[in-house]
PDB file of N, CA and C in Angstrom:
ATOM      1  N   MET A   1      -3.568 -10.050   3.378  1.00  0.00           N
ATOM      2  CA  MET A   1      -2.990 -10.673   3.367  1.00  0.00           C
ATOM      3  C   MET A   1      -3.073 -11.284   2.320  1.00  0.00           C
ATOM      4  N   GLN A   2      -2.140 -12.459   1.463  1.00  0.00           N
ATOM      5  CA  GLN A   2      -2.568 -12.777   0.023  1.00  0.00           C
ATOM      6  C   GLN A   2      -3.735 -14.161   0.317  1.00  0.00           C
ATOM      7  N   GLU A   3      -4.006 -14.583  -0.387  1.00  0.00           N
ATOM      8  CA  GLU A   3      -5.406 -15.332  -0.765  1.00  0.00           C
ATOM      9  C   GLU A   3      -4.096 -16.961  -0.336  1.00  0.00           C
ATOM     10  N   PRO A   4      -3.004 -17.013  -1.465  1.00  0.00           N
ATOM     11  CA  PRO A   4      -2.264 -17.724  -1.038  1.00  0.00           C
ATOM     12  C   PRO A   4      -1.761 -18.636   0.812  1.00  0.00           C
ATOM     13  N   THR A   5      -1.365 -17.078   1.063  1.00  0.00           N
ATOM     14  CA  THR A   5      -0.671 -16.919   3.091  1.00  0.00           C
ATOM     15  C   THR A   5      -1.747 -17.544   3.672  1.00  0.00           C
ATOM     16  N   PHE A   6      -2.977 -17.435   3.258  1.00  0.00           N
ATOM     17  CA  PHE A   6      -4.385 -17.053   4.031  1.00  0.00           C
ATOM     18  C   PHE A   6      -4.389 -18.626   4.304  1.00  0.00           C
ATOM     19  N   LEU A   7      -4.568 -18.760   2.961  1.00  0.00           N
ATOM     20  CA  LEU A   7      -4.968 -20.545   3.085  1.00  0.00           C
ATOM     21  C   LEU A   7      -3.581 -21.618   3.478  1.00  0.00           C
ATOM     22  N   ILE A   8      -2.422 -21.142   3.093  1.00  0.00           N
ATOM     23  CA  ILE A   8      -1.638 -21.902   3.810  1.00  0.00           C
ATOM     24  C   ILE A   8      -1.728 -21.943   5.632  1.00  0.00           C
ATOM     25  N   LEU A   9      -1.997 -20.968   6.118  1.00  0.00           N
ATOM     26  CA  LEU A   9      -2.556 -20.628   7.697  1.00  0.00           C
ATOM     27  C   LEU A   9      -3.160 -21.576   7.976  1.00  0.00           C
ATOM     28  N   THR A  10      -4.592 -21.388   7.246  1.00  0.00           N
ATOM     29  CA  THR A  10      -5.483 -21.938   7.324  1.00  0.00           C
ATOM     30  C   THR A  10      -5.227 -23.238   7.112  1.00  0.00           C
ATOM     31  N   ALA A  11      -4.677 -23.790   6.819  1.00  0.00           N
ATOM     32  CA  ALA A  11      -4.387 -25.421   6.427  1.00  0.00           C
ATOM     33  C   ALA A  11      -3.919 -26.049   7.520  1.00  0.00           C
ATOM     34  N   LEU A  12      -2.424 -25.501   8.198  1.00  0.00           N
ATOM     35  CA  LEU A  12      -1.594 -25.345   9.436  1.00  0.00           C
ATOM     36  C   LEU A  12      -2.298 -24.966  10.858  1.00  0.00           C
ATOM     37  N   ALA A  13      -3.508 -24.710  10.698  1.00  0.00           N
ATOM     38  CA  ALA A  13      -4.407 -23.882  11.973  1.00  0.00           C
ATOM     39  C   ALA A  13      -5.125 -25.922  12.614  1.00  0.00           C
ATOM     40  N   ALA A  14      -5.084 -26.425  11.415  1.00  0.00           N
ATOM     41  CA  ALA A  14      -6.177 -27.649  11.673  1.00  0.00           C
ATOM     42  C   ALA A  14      -4.722 -28.715  12.617  1.00  0.00           C
ATOM     43  N   GLY A  15      -3.438 -28.508  12.551  1.00  0.00           N
ATOM     44  CA  GLY A  15      -2.237 -29.116  12.976  1.00  0.00           C
ATOM     45  C   GLY A  15      -1.266 -29.168  12.232  1.00  0.00           C
ATOM     46  N   PRO A  16       0.141 -29.840  12.657  1.00  0.00           N
ATOM     47  CA  PRO A  16       0.934 -29.754  11.899  1.00  0.00           C
ATOM     48  C   PRO A  16       1.042 -30.168  10.528  1.00  0.00           C
ATOM     49  N   GLN A  17       1.747 -29.852   9.929  1.00  0.00           N
ATOM     50  CA  GLN A  17       1.889 -30.750   8.311  1.00  0.00           C
ATOM     51  C   GLN A  17       2.629 -30.802   7.950  1.00  0.00           C
ATOM     52  N   HIS A  18       3.368 -31.594   7.144  1.00  0.00           N
ATOM     53  CA  HIS A  18       4.425 -31.271   5.549  1.00  0.00           C
ATOM     54  C   HIS A  18       3.783 -30.680   4.593  1.00  0.00           C
ATOM     55  N   GLY A  19       4.845 -30.190   3.906  1.00  0.00           N
ATOM     56  CA  GLY A  19       4.834 -29.481   2.618  1.00  0.00           C
ATOM     57  C   GLY A  19       3.388 -30.209   1.700  1.00  0.00           C
ATOM     58  N   TYR A  20       3.476 -31.165   1.388  1.00  0.00           N
ATOM     59  CA  TYR A  20       2.864 -32.203   0.363  1.00  0.00           C
ATOM     60  C   TYR A  20       1.017 -32.227   1.053  1.00  0.00           C
ATOM     61  N   GLY A  21       1.425 -32.265   2.007  1.00  0.00           N
ATOM     62  CA  GLY A  21      -0.023 -32.140   3.169  1.00  0.00           C
ATOM     63  C   GLY A  21      -0.449 -30.393   2.950  1.00  0.00           C
ATOM     64  N   VAL A  22       0.390 -29.925   2.942  1.00  0.00           N
ATOM     65  CA  VAL A  22      -0.501 -28.385   2.759  1.00  0.00           C
ATOM     66  C   VAL A  22      -0.798 -28.629   1.167  1.00  0.00           C
ATOM     67  N   ILE A  23      -0.389 -28.442   0.528  1.00  0.00           N
ATOM     68  CA  ILE A  23      -0.344 -28.382  -0.844  1.00  0.00           C
ATOM     69  C   ILE A  23      -1.834 -29.049  -1.637  1.00  0.00           C
ATOM     70  N   THR A  24      -2.013 -30.069  -0.938  1.00  0.00           N
ATOM     71  CA  THR A  24      -3.559 -31.210  -0.866  1.00  0.00           C
ATOM     72  C   THR A  24      -4.221 -29.951  -0.163  1.00  0.00           C
ATOM     73  N   ASP A  25      -3.948 -29.639   1.397  1.00  0.00           N
ATOM     74  CA  ASP A  25      -5.125 -29.165   1.751  1.00  0.00           C
ATOM     75  C   ASP A  25      -5.647 -28.084   1.326  1.00  0.00           C
ATOM     76  N   VAL A  26      -4.522 -27.111   0.772  1.00  0.00           N
ATOM     77  CA  VAL A  26      -5.106 -25.842   0.140  1.00  0.00           C
ATOM     78  C   VAL A  26      -5.900 -25.892  -0.922  1.00  0.00           C
ATOM     79  N   GLU A  27      -5.669 -26.674  -1.739  1.00  0.00           N
ATOM     80  CA  GLU A  27      -6.282 -27.454  -2.768  1.00  0.00           C
ATOM     81  C   GLU A  27      -7.885 -27.539  -2.709  1.00  0.00           C
ATOM     82  N   GLY A  28      -7.602 -28.347  -1.385  1.00  0.00           N
ATOM     83  CA  GLY A  28      -9.146 -28.913  -0.749  1.00  0.00           C
ATOM     84  C   GLY A  28      -9.900 -27.676  -0.525  1.00  0.00           C
ATOM     85  N   ILE A  29      -9.446 -26.657   0.577  1.00  0.00           N
ATOM     86  CA  ILE A  29      -9.705 -25.729   1.283  1.00  0.00           C
ATOM     87  C   ILE A  29     -10.217 -25.014  -0.220  1.00  0.00           C
ATOM     88  N   SER A  30      -9.318 -24.266  -1.403  1.00  0.00           N
ATOM     89  CA  SER A  30     -10.150 -23.423  -2.331  1.00  0.00           C
ATOM     90  C   SER A  30     -10.754 -24.396  -3.444  1.00  0.00           C
ATOM     91  N   GLY A  31     -11.467 -25.959  -2.877  1.00  0.00           N
ATOM     92  CA  GLY A  31     -12.347 -26.354  -4.398  1.00  0.00           C
ATOM     93  C   GLY A  31     -11.461 -26.175  -5.019  1.00  0.00           C
ATOM     94  N   GLY A  32     -10.447 -26.525  -5.126  1.00  0.00           N
ATOM     95  CA  GLY A  32      -9.734 -26.560  -6.590  1.00  0.00           C
ATOM     96  C   GLY A  32      -8.761 -25.514  -6.930  1.00  0.00           C
ATOM     97  N   ARG A  33      -9.487 -24.327  -6.525  1.00  0.00           N
ATOM     98  CA  ARG A  33      -9.265 -22.976  -7.351  1.00  0.00           C
ATOM     99  C   ARG A  33      -7.502 -22.439  -7.377  1.00  0.00           C
ATOM    100  N   VAL A  34      -6.896 -23.559  -6.281  1.00  0.00           N
ATOM    101  CA  VAL A  34      -5.688 -22.618  -5.989  1.00  0.00           C
ATOM    102  C   VAL A  34      -4.729 -23.789  -5.664  1.00  0.00           C
ATOM    103  N   VAL A  35      -3.739 -23.767  -6.568  1.00  0.00           N
ATOM    104  CA  VAL A  35      -3.036 -25.174  -6.664  1.00  0.00           C
ATOM    105  C   VAL A  35      -1.745 -24.637  -7.067  1.00  0.00           C
ATOM    106  N   LEU A  36      -1.146 -24.845  -5.080  1.00  0.00           N
ATOM    107  CA  LEU A  36       0.470 -24.370  -5.017  1.00  0.00           C
ATOM    108  C   LEU A  36       2.074 -25.069  -5.693  1.00  0.00           C
ATOM    109  N   ARG A  37       2.312 -24.876  -6.417  1.00  0.00           N
ATOM    110  CA  ARG A  37       3.613 -25.730  -7.023  1.00  0.00           C
ATOM    111  C   ARG A  37       4.605 -25.423  -5.908  1.00  0.00           C
ATOM    112  N   ALA A  38       5.686 -26.488  -5.714  1.00  0.00           N
ATOM    113  CA  ALA A  38       6.143 -26.586  -4.584  1.00  0.00           C
ATOM    114  C   ALA A  38       7.349 -25.498  -4.277  1.00  0.00           C
ATOM    115  N   GLY A  39       8.083 -24.851  -5.377  1.00  0.00           N
ATOM    116  CA  GLY A  39       8.500 -23.851  -5.379  1.00  0.00           C
ATOM    117  C   GLY A  39       8.253 -22.751  -4.404  1.00  0.00           C
ATOM    118  N   THR A  40       6.824 -22.482  -4.897  1.00  0.00           N
ATOM    119  CA  THR A  40       6.064 -21.701  -4.289  1.00  0.00           C
ATOM    120  C   THR A  40       5.540 -21.993  -2.914  1.00  0.00           C
ATOM    121  N   LEU A  41       5.443 -22.747  -2.662  1.00  0.00           N
ATOM    122  CA  LEU A  41       4.678 -23.078  -1.188  1.00  0.00           C
ATOM    123  C   LEU A  41       6.053 -22.785  -0.146  1.00  0.00           C
ATOM    124  N   TYR A  42       7.132 -23.649  -0.708  1.00  0.00           N
ATOM    125  CA  TYR A  42       8.557 -23.743   0.052  1.00  0.00           C
ATOM    126  C   TYR A  42       9.077 -22.166   0.299  1.00  0.00           C
ATOM    127  N   ALA A  43       9.147 -21.347  -0.963  1.00  0.00           N
ATOM    128  CA  ALA A  43       9.385 -20.029  -0.917  1.00  0.00           C
ATOM    129  C   ALA A  43       8.158 -19.334   0.426  1.00  0.00           C
ATOM    130  N   ALA A  44       6.814 -19.389   0.169  1.00  0.00           N
ATOM    131  CA  ALA A  44       6.164 -19.036   0.963  1.00  0.00           C
ATOM    132  C   ALA A  44       6.267 -19.427   2.701  1.00  0.00           C
ATOM    133  N   LEU A  45       6.572 -20.738   2.948  1.00  0.00           N
ATOM    134  CA  LEU A  45       6.929 -21.213   3.999  1.00  0.00           C
ATOM    135  C   LEU A  45       8.137 -20.808   4.830  1.00  0.00           C
ATOM    136  N   ASP A  46       9.229 -20.482   4.219  1.00  0.00           N
ATOM    137  CA  ASP A  46      10.748 -20.108   4.665  1.00  0.00           C
ATOM    138  C   ASP A  46       9.730 -18.504   5.083  1.00  0.00           C
ATOM    139  N   ARG A  47       9.007 -17.568   4.045  1.00  0.00           N
ATOM    140  CA  ARG A  47       8.824 -16.460   4.461  1.00  0.00           C
ATOM    141  C   ARG A  47       7.924 -16.312   5.487  1.00  0.00           C
ATOM    142  N   LEU A  48       7.168 -17.009   5.773  1.00  0.00           N
ATOM    143  CA  LEU A  48       6.399 -17.325   7.178  1.00  0.00           C
ATOM    144  C   LEU A  48       7.092 -17.772   8.253  1.00  0.00           C
ATOM    145  N   ARG A  49       7.952 -18.195   7.838  1.00  0.00           N
ATOM    146  CA  ARG A  49       8.816 -18.922   9.437  1.00  0.00           C
ATOM    147  C   ARG A  49       9.299 -17.469   9.693  1.00  0.00           C
ATOM    148  N   ALA A  50       9.944 -16.882   8.746  1.00  0.00           N
ATOM    149  CA  ALA A  50      11.006 -15.488   9.092  1.00  0.00           C
ATOM    150  C   ALA A  50      10.364 -14.529   9.918  1.00  0.00           C
ATOM    151  N   GLU A  51       8.552 -14.629   9.486  1.00  0.00           N
ATOM    152  CA  GLU A  51       8.145 -13.552   9.787  1.00  0.00           C
ATOM    153  C   GLU A  51       7.633 -14.108  11.268  1.00  0.00           C
ATOM    154  N   GLY A  52       7.626 -15.726  11.546  1.00  0.00           N
ATOM    155  CA  GLY A  52       7.393 -15.739  13.365  1.00  0.00           C
ATOM    156  C   GLY A  52       6.013 -16.306  12.966  1.00  0.00           C
ATOM    157  N   LEU A  53       5.395 -17.133  11.985  1.00  0.00           N
ATOM    158  CA  LEU A  53       3.651 -17.314  12.116  1.00  0.00           C
ATOM    159  C   LEU A  53       3.843 -18.829  12.129  1.00  0.00           C
ATOM    160  N   ILE A  54       5.007 -19.444  11.344  1.00  0.00           N
ATOM    161  CA  ILE A  54       5.134 -20.927  11.702  1.00  0.00           C
ATOM    162  C   ILE A  54       6.426 -20.969  12.045  1.00  0.00           C
ATOM    163  N   GLU A  55       6.317 -22.416  12.428  1.00  0.00           N
ATOM    164  CA  GLU A  55       7.402 -22.935  12.995  1.00  0.00           C
ATOM    165  C   GLU A  55       7.419 -23.862  12.184  1.00  0.00           C
ATOM    166  N   SER A  56       8.754 -24.848  12.650  1.00  0.00           N
ATOM    167  CA  SER A  56       9.417 -25.982  11.754  1.00  0.00           C
ATOM    168  C   SER A  56       8.955 -27.326  13.229  1.00  0.00           C
ATOM    169  N   GLU A  57       8.294 -28.255  13.139  1.00  0.00           N
ATOM    170  CA  GLU A  57       7.877 -29.066  14.272  1.00  0.00           C
ATOM    171  C   GLU A  57       8.864 -29.980  14.298  1.00  0.00           C
ATOM    172  N   ARG A  58       8.502 -30.912  13.609  1.00  0.00           N
ATOM    173  CA  ARG A  58       9.975 -32.030  13.725  1.00  0.00           C
ATOM    174  C   ARG A  58      10.444 -32.475  11.860  1.00  0.00           C
ATOM    175  N   GLU A  59      11.042 -33.556  11.883  1.00  0.00           N
ATOM    176  CA  GLU A  59      11.608 -33.565  10.435  1.00  0.00           C
ATOM    177  C   GLU A  59      11.758 -35.489  10.667  1.00  0.00           C
ATOM    178  N   GLU A  60      11.365 -35.800   9.737  1.00  0.00           N
ATOM    179  CA  GLU A  60      11.739 -37.318   9.633  1.00  0.00           C
ATOM    180  C   GLU A  60      12.264 -37.782   8.287  1.00  0.00           C
ATOM    181  N   ILE A  61      12.859 -39.063   8.152  1.00  0.00           N
ATOM    182  CA  ILE A  61      12.898 -39.616   6.748  1.00  0.00           C
ATOM    183  C   ILE A  61      11.988 -40.160   6.309  1.00  0.00           C
ATOM    184  N   VAL A  62      11.309 -39.554   5.141  1.00  0.00           N
ATOM    185  CA  VAL A  62      10.973 -41.274   4.540  1.00  0.00           C
ATOM    186  C   VAL A  62      11.409 -40.986   2.967  1.00  0.00           C
ATOM    187  N   ASP A  63      11.266 -42.246   2.900  1.00  0.00           N
ATOM    188  CA  ASP A  63      11.991 -42.897   1.616  1.00  0.00           C
ATOM    189  C   ASP A  63      13.609 -42.491   0.718  1.00  0.00           C
ATOM    190  N   GLY A  64      14.378 -42.062   2.196  1.00  0.00           N
ATOM    191  CA  GLY A  64      15.525 -40.993   2.057  1.00  0.00           C
ATOM    192  C   GLY A  64      15.367 -40.239   1.912  1.00  0.00           C
ATOM    193  N   ARG A  65      14.112 -39.141   1.982  1.00  0.00           N
ATOM    194  CA  ARG A  65      14.211 -37.927   1.548  1.00  0.00           C
ATOM    195  C   ARG A  65      13.535 -37.316   3.112  1.00  0.00           C
ATOM    196  N   VAL A  66      14.491 -36.204   3.354  1.00  0.00           N
ATOM    197  CA  VAL A  66      13.417 -35.473   4.520  1.00  0.00           C
ATOM    198  C   VAL A  66      12.206 -34.758   4.822  1.00  0.00           C
ATOM    199  N   ARG A  67      11.324 -35.055   5.184  1.00  0.00           N
ATOM    200  CA  ARG A  67      10.254 -34.789   5.695  1.00  0.00           C
ATOM    201  C   ARG A  67      10.230 -33.750   6.812  1.00  0.00           C
ATOM    202  N   ARG A  68       9.880 -32.530   6.894  1.00  0.00           N
ATOM    203  CA  ARG A  68       9.681 -31.495   7.270  1.00  0.00           C
ATOM    204  C   ARG A  68       8.364 -30.951   7.666  1.00  0.00           C
ATOM    205  N   TYR A  69       7.960 -31.040   9.086  1.00  0.00           N
ATOM    206  CA  TYR A  69       6.444 -30.370   9.162  1.00  0.00           C
ATOM    207  C   TYR A  69       6.235 -28.974   9.920  1.00  0.00           C
ATOM    208  N   TYR A  70       5.168 -28.677   9.540  1.00  0.00           N
ATOM    209  CA  TYR A  70       5.327 -26.655  10.001  1.00  0.00           C
ATOM    210  C   TYR A  70       4.307 -26.532  10.545  1.00  0.00           C
ATOM    211  N   ARG A  71       3.818 -26.054  11.354  1.00  0.00           N
ATOM    212  CA  ARG A  71       2.798 -25.997  12.541  1.00  0.00           C
ATOM    213  C   ARG A  71       2.578 -24.302  12.927  1.00  0.00           C
ATOM    214  N   LEU A  72       1.382 -23.844  13.064  1.00  0.00           N
ATOM    215  CA  LEU A  72       1.378 -22.595  13.282  1.00  0.00           C
ATOM    216  C   LEU A  72       1.151 -22.062  14.520  1.00  0.00           C
ATOM    217  N   THR A  73       2.202 -20.943  14.668  1.00  0.00           N
ATOM    218  CA  THR A  73       2.721 -20.542  16.237  1.00  0.00           C
ATOM    219  C   THR A  73       1.410 -19.841  16.441  1.00  0.00           C
ATOM    220  N   GLY A  74       1.541 -18.634  17.838  1.00  0.00           N
ATOM    221  CA  GLY A  74       0.370 -18.024  18.371  1.00  0.00           C
ATOM    222  C   GLY A  74       0.030 -16.914  17.621  1.00  0.00           C
ATOM    223  N   GLU A  75       1.429 -16.351  17.367  1.00  0.00           N
ATOM    224  CA  GLU A  75       1.308 -14.956  16.641  1.00  0.00           C
ATOM    225  C   GLU A  75       0.353 -15.358  15.124  1.00  0.00           C
ATOM    226  N   GLY A  76       0.885 -17.080  14.325  1.00  0.00           N
ATOM    227  CA  GLY A  76       0.098 -16.874  13.204  1.00  0.00           C
ATOM    228  C   GLY A  76      -1.324 -17.141  13.519  1.00  0.00           C
ATOM    229  N   ALA A  77      -1.762 -17.852  14.506  1.00  0.00           N
ATOM    230  CA  ALA A  77      -3.451 -17.998  14.791  1.00  0.00           C
ATOM    231  C   ALA A  77      -3.582 -16.639  15.168  1.00  0.00           C
ATOM    232  N   THR A  78      -3.114 -15.905  15.600  1.00  0.00           N
ATOM    233  CA  THR A  78      -3.946 -14.768  16.053  1.00  0.00           C
ATOM    234  C   THR A  78      -3.407 -13.651  14.764  1.00  0.00           C
ATOM    235  N   ARG A  79      -2.566 -13.810  13.823  1.00  0.00           N
ATOM    236  CA  ARG A  79      -3.022 -12.806  12.444  1.00  0.00           C
ATOM    237  C   ARG A  79      -3.846 -13.630  11.618  1.00  0.00           C
ATOM    238  N   LEU A  80      -4.064 -15.015  11.406  1.00  0.00           N
ATOM    239  CA  LEU A  80      -5.069 -16.079  10.735  1.00  0.00           C
ATOM    240  C   LEU A  80      -6.803 -15.479  11.117  1.00  0.00           C
ATOM    241  N   SER A  81      -6.520 -15.032  12.345  1.00  0.00           N
ATOM    242  CA  SER A  81      -8.001 -14.901  13.285  1.00  0.00           C
ATOM    243  C   SER A  81      -8.624 -13.892  12.782  1.00  0.00           C
ATOM    244  N   ALA A  82      -7.575 -12.442  12.960  1.00  0.00           N
ATOM    245  CA  ALA A  82      -8.111 -11.211  12.315  1.00  0.00           C
ATOM    246  C   ALA A  82      -7.897 -11.425  10.555  1.00  0.00           C
ATOM    247  N   GLU A  83      -7.416 -11.664  10.080  1.00  0.00           N
ATOM    248  CA  GLU A  83      -8.085 -11.843   8.471  1.00  0.00           C
ATOM    249  C   GLU A  83      -8.767 -12.783   8.036  1.00  0.00           C
ATOM    250  N   ALA A  84      -9.630 -13.262   9.180  1.00  0.00           N
ATOM    251  CA  ALA A  84     -10.422 -14.397   8.732  1.00  0.00           C
ATOM    252  C   ALA A  84     -11.677 -13.240   9.408  1.00  0.00           C
ATOM    253  N   ASP A  85     -11.687 -12.685  10.126  1.00  0.00           N
ATOM    254  CA  ASP A  85     -12.665 -11.300  10.748  1.00  0.00           C
ATOM    255  C   ASP A  85     -13.235 -10.024   9.815  1.00  0.00           C
ATOM    256  N   ARG A  86     -11.425  -9.821   9.090  1.00  0.00           N
ATOM    257  CA  ARG A  86     -11.719  -9.293   8.283  1.00  0.00           C
ATOM    258  C   ARG A  86     -12.303  -9.409   6.765  1.00  0.00           C
ATOM    259  N   LEU A  87     -12.292 -10.520   6.908  1.00  0.00           N
ATOM    260  CA  LEU A  87     -12.777 -10.665   5.204  1.00  0.00           C
ATOM    261  C   LEU A  87     -13.963 -11.828   5.699  1.00  0.00           C
ATOM    262  N   THR A  88     -14.733 -11.677   6.741  1.00  0.00           N
ATOM    263  CA  THR A  88     -15.943 -11.724   7.334  1.00  0.00           C
ATOM    264  C   THR A  88     -16.801 -10.801   7.601  1.00  0.00           C
ATOM    265  N   ARG A  89     -16.452  -9.743   7.833  1.00  0.00           N
ATOM    266  CA  ARG A  89     -16.782  -8.111   7.750  1.00  0.00           C
ATOM    267  C   ARG A  89     -17.097  -7.837   6.214  1.00  0.00           C
ATOM    268  N   HIS A  90     -15.934  -8.123   5.592  1.00  0.00           N
ATOM    269  CA  HIS A  90     -16.239  -7.369   4.515  1.00  0.00           C
ATOM    270  C   HIS A  90     -17.709  -8.352   3.479  1.00  0.00           C
ATOM    271  N   ALA A  91     -17.706  -9.517   3.641  1.00  0.00           N
ATOM    272  CA  ALA A  91     -18.044 -10.397   2.711  1.00  0.00           C
ATOM    273  C   ALA A  91     -19.521 -10.456   3.211  1.00  0.00           C
ATOM    274  N   THR A  92     -20.057 -10.112   4.709  1.00  0.00           N
ATOM    275  CA  THR A  92     -21.208  -9.568   5.516  1.00  0.00           C
ATOM    276  C   THR A  92     -21.977  -8.222   4.876  1.00  0.00           C
ATOM    277  N   ALA A  93     -20.830  -6.984   4.637  1.00  0.00           N
ATOM    278  CA  ALA A  93     -20.865  -5.924   4.295  1.00  0.00           C
ATOM    279  C   ALA A  93     -21.426  -6.467   2.403  1.00  0.00           C
ATOM    280  N   ALA A  94     -20.945  -7.220   2.058  1.00  0.00           N
ATOM    281  CA  ALA A  94     -21.392  -7.384   0.574  1.00  0.00           C
ATOM    282  C   ALA A  94     -22.568  -8.171   0.108  1.00  0.00           C
ATOM    283  N   VAL A  95     -23.105  -8.520   1.144  1.00  0.00           N
ATOM    284  CA  VAL A  95     -23.958  -9.556   0.846  1.00  0.00           C
ATOM    285  C   VAL A  95     -25.527  -8.957   1.331  1.00  0.00           C
ATOM    286  N   THR A  96     -24.937  -7.476   2.687  1.00  0.00           N
ATOM    287  CA  THR A  96     -25.901  -6.718   2.756  1.00  0.00           C
ATOM    288  C   THR A  96     -26.222  -5.926   2.221  1.00  0.00           C
ATOM    289  N   ARG A  97     -25.458  -5.601   1.251  1.00  0.00           N
ATOM    290  CA  ARG A  97     -25.240  -4.475  -0.083  1.00  0.00           C
ATOM    291  C   ARG A  97     -26.101  -4.681  -1.097  1.00  0.00           C
ATOM    292  N   LEU A  98     -25.578  -6.369  -1.497  1.00  0.00           N
ATOM    293  CA  LEU A  98     -26.501  -6.725  -2.365  1.00  0.00           C
ATOM    294  C   LEU A  98     -27.579  -6.946  -1.907  1.00  0.00           C
ATOM    295  N   ARG A  99     -28.264  -7.507  -0.943  1.00  0.00           N
ATOM    296  CA  ARG A  99     -29.653  -7.625  -0.727  1.00  0.00           C
ATOM    297  C   ARG A  99     -30.155  -6.328  -1.350  1.00  0.00           C
ATOM    298  N   GLN A 100     -29.883  -5.096   0.311  1.00  0.00           N
ATOM    299  CA  GLN A 100     -30.222  -3.905  -0.464  1.00  0.00           C
ATOM    300  C   GLN A 100     -30.813  -3.438  -1.683  1.00  0.00           C
ATOM    301  N   GLY A 101     -29.588  -3.537  -2.456  1.00  0.00           N
ATOM    302  CA  GLY A 101     -29.376  -3.203  -3.523  1.00  0.00           C
ATOM    303  C   GLY A 101     -30.863  -3.879  -4.671  1.00  0.00           C
ATOM    304  N   PHE A 102     -30.195  -4.956  -4.970  1.00  0.00           N
ATOM    305  CA  PHE A 102     -30.988  -6.139  -5.347  1.00  0.00           C
ATOM    306  C   PHE A 102     -33.137  -5.706  -4.879  1.00  0.00           C
ATOM    307  N   SER A 103     -33.380  -5.452  -3.913  1.00  0.00           N
ATOM    308  CA  SER A 103     -34.760  -5.557  -3.267  1.00  0.00           C
ATOM    309  C   SER A 103     -35.106  -3.990  -4.092  1.00  0.00           C
ATOM    310  N   THR A 104     -33.830  -2.885  -3.772  1.00  0.00           N
ATOM    311  CA  THR A 104     -34.235  -1.511  -4.477  1.00  0.00           C
ATOM    312  C   THR A 104     -34.890  -1.619  -6.029  1.00  0.00           C
ATOM    313  N   ALA A 105     -33.753  -2.284  -6.249  1.00  0.00           N
ATOM    314  CA  ALA A 105     -33.684  -2.228  -7.851  1.00  0.00           C
ATOM    315  C   ALA A 105     -34.855  -3.056  -8.427  1.00  0.00           C
ATOM    316  N   TRP A 106     -35.546  -4.382  -7.440  1.00  0.00           N
ATOM    317  CA  TRP A 106     -36.901  -4.869  -8.001  1.00  0.00           C
ATOM    318  C   TRP A 106     -37.958  -4.212  -7.443  1.00  0.00           C
ATOM    319  N   GLY A 107     -37.738  -3.580  -6.526  1.00  0.00           N
ATOM    320  CA  GLY A 107     -38.827  -2.506  -5.480  1.00  0.00           C
ATOM    321  C   GLY A 107     -39.575  -3.361  -4.870  1.00  0.00           C
ATOM    322  N   LEU A 108     -38.585  -4.594  -4.084  1.00  0.00           N
ATOM    323  CA  LEU A 108     -39.161  -5.020  -2.750  1.00  0.00           C
ATOM    324  C   LEU A 108     -38.447  -4.331  -1.767  1.00  0.00           C
ATOM    325  N   SER A 109     -39.818  -5.533  -0.477  1.00  0.00           N
ATOM    326  CA  SER A 109     -39.308  -4.396   0.651  1.00  0.00           C
ATOM    327  C   SER A 109     -38.502  -5.755   1.670  1.00  0.00           C
TER     328      SER A 109
END
């Protein structure tokens, strides 16, 4: 799973959001490292909706424009959870090996 997809699903895991909310949430989650442009976000949202990972929850009119809210589906939550578990396992392996390598290289036990 690509990082932007992971972050979008993570943003929606907290509850339904509209596009701009997802953009700001992704930026916050990533510490400002990932900044989604509107075109990129909406293409990703369309793809995630087609894959059944998210769905439109509701629409409202704000200042004459349609604001669509998206939410995570059960399948989306399952996929996000599996990816989070995978990343956790990889990060744990990296930290373990770094500690072992550092201890070995410096003669520490």
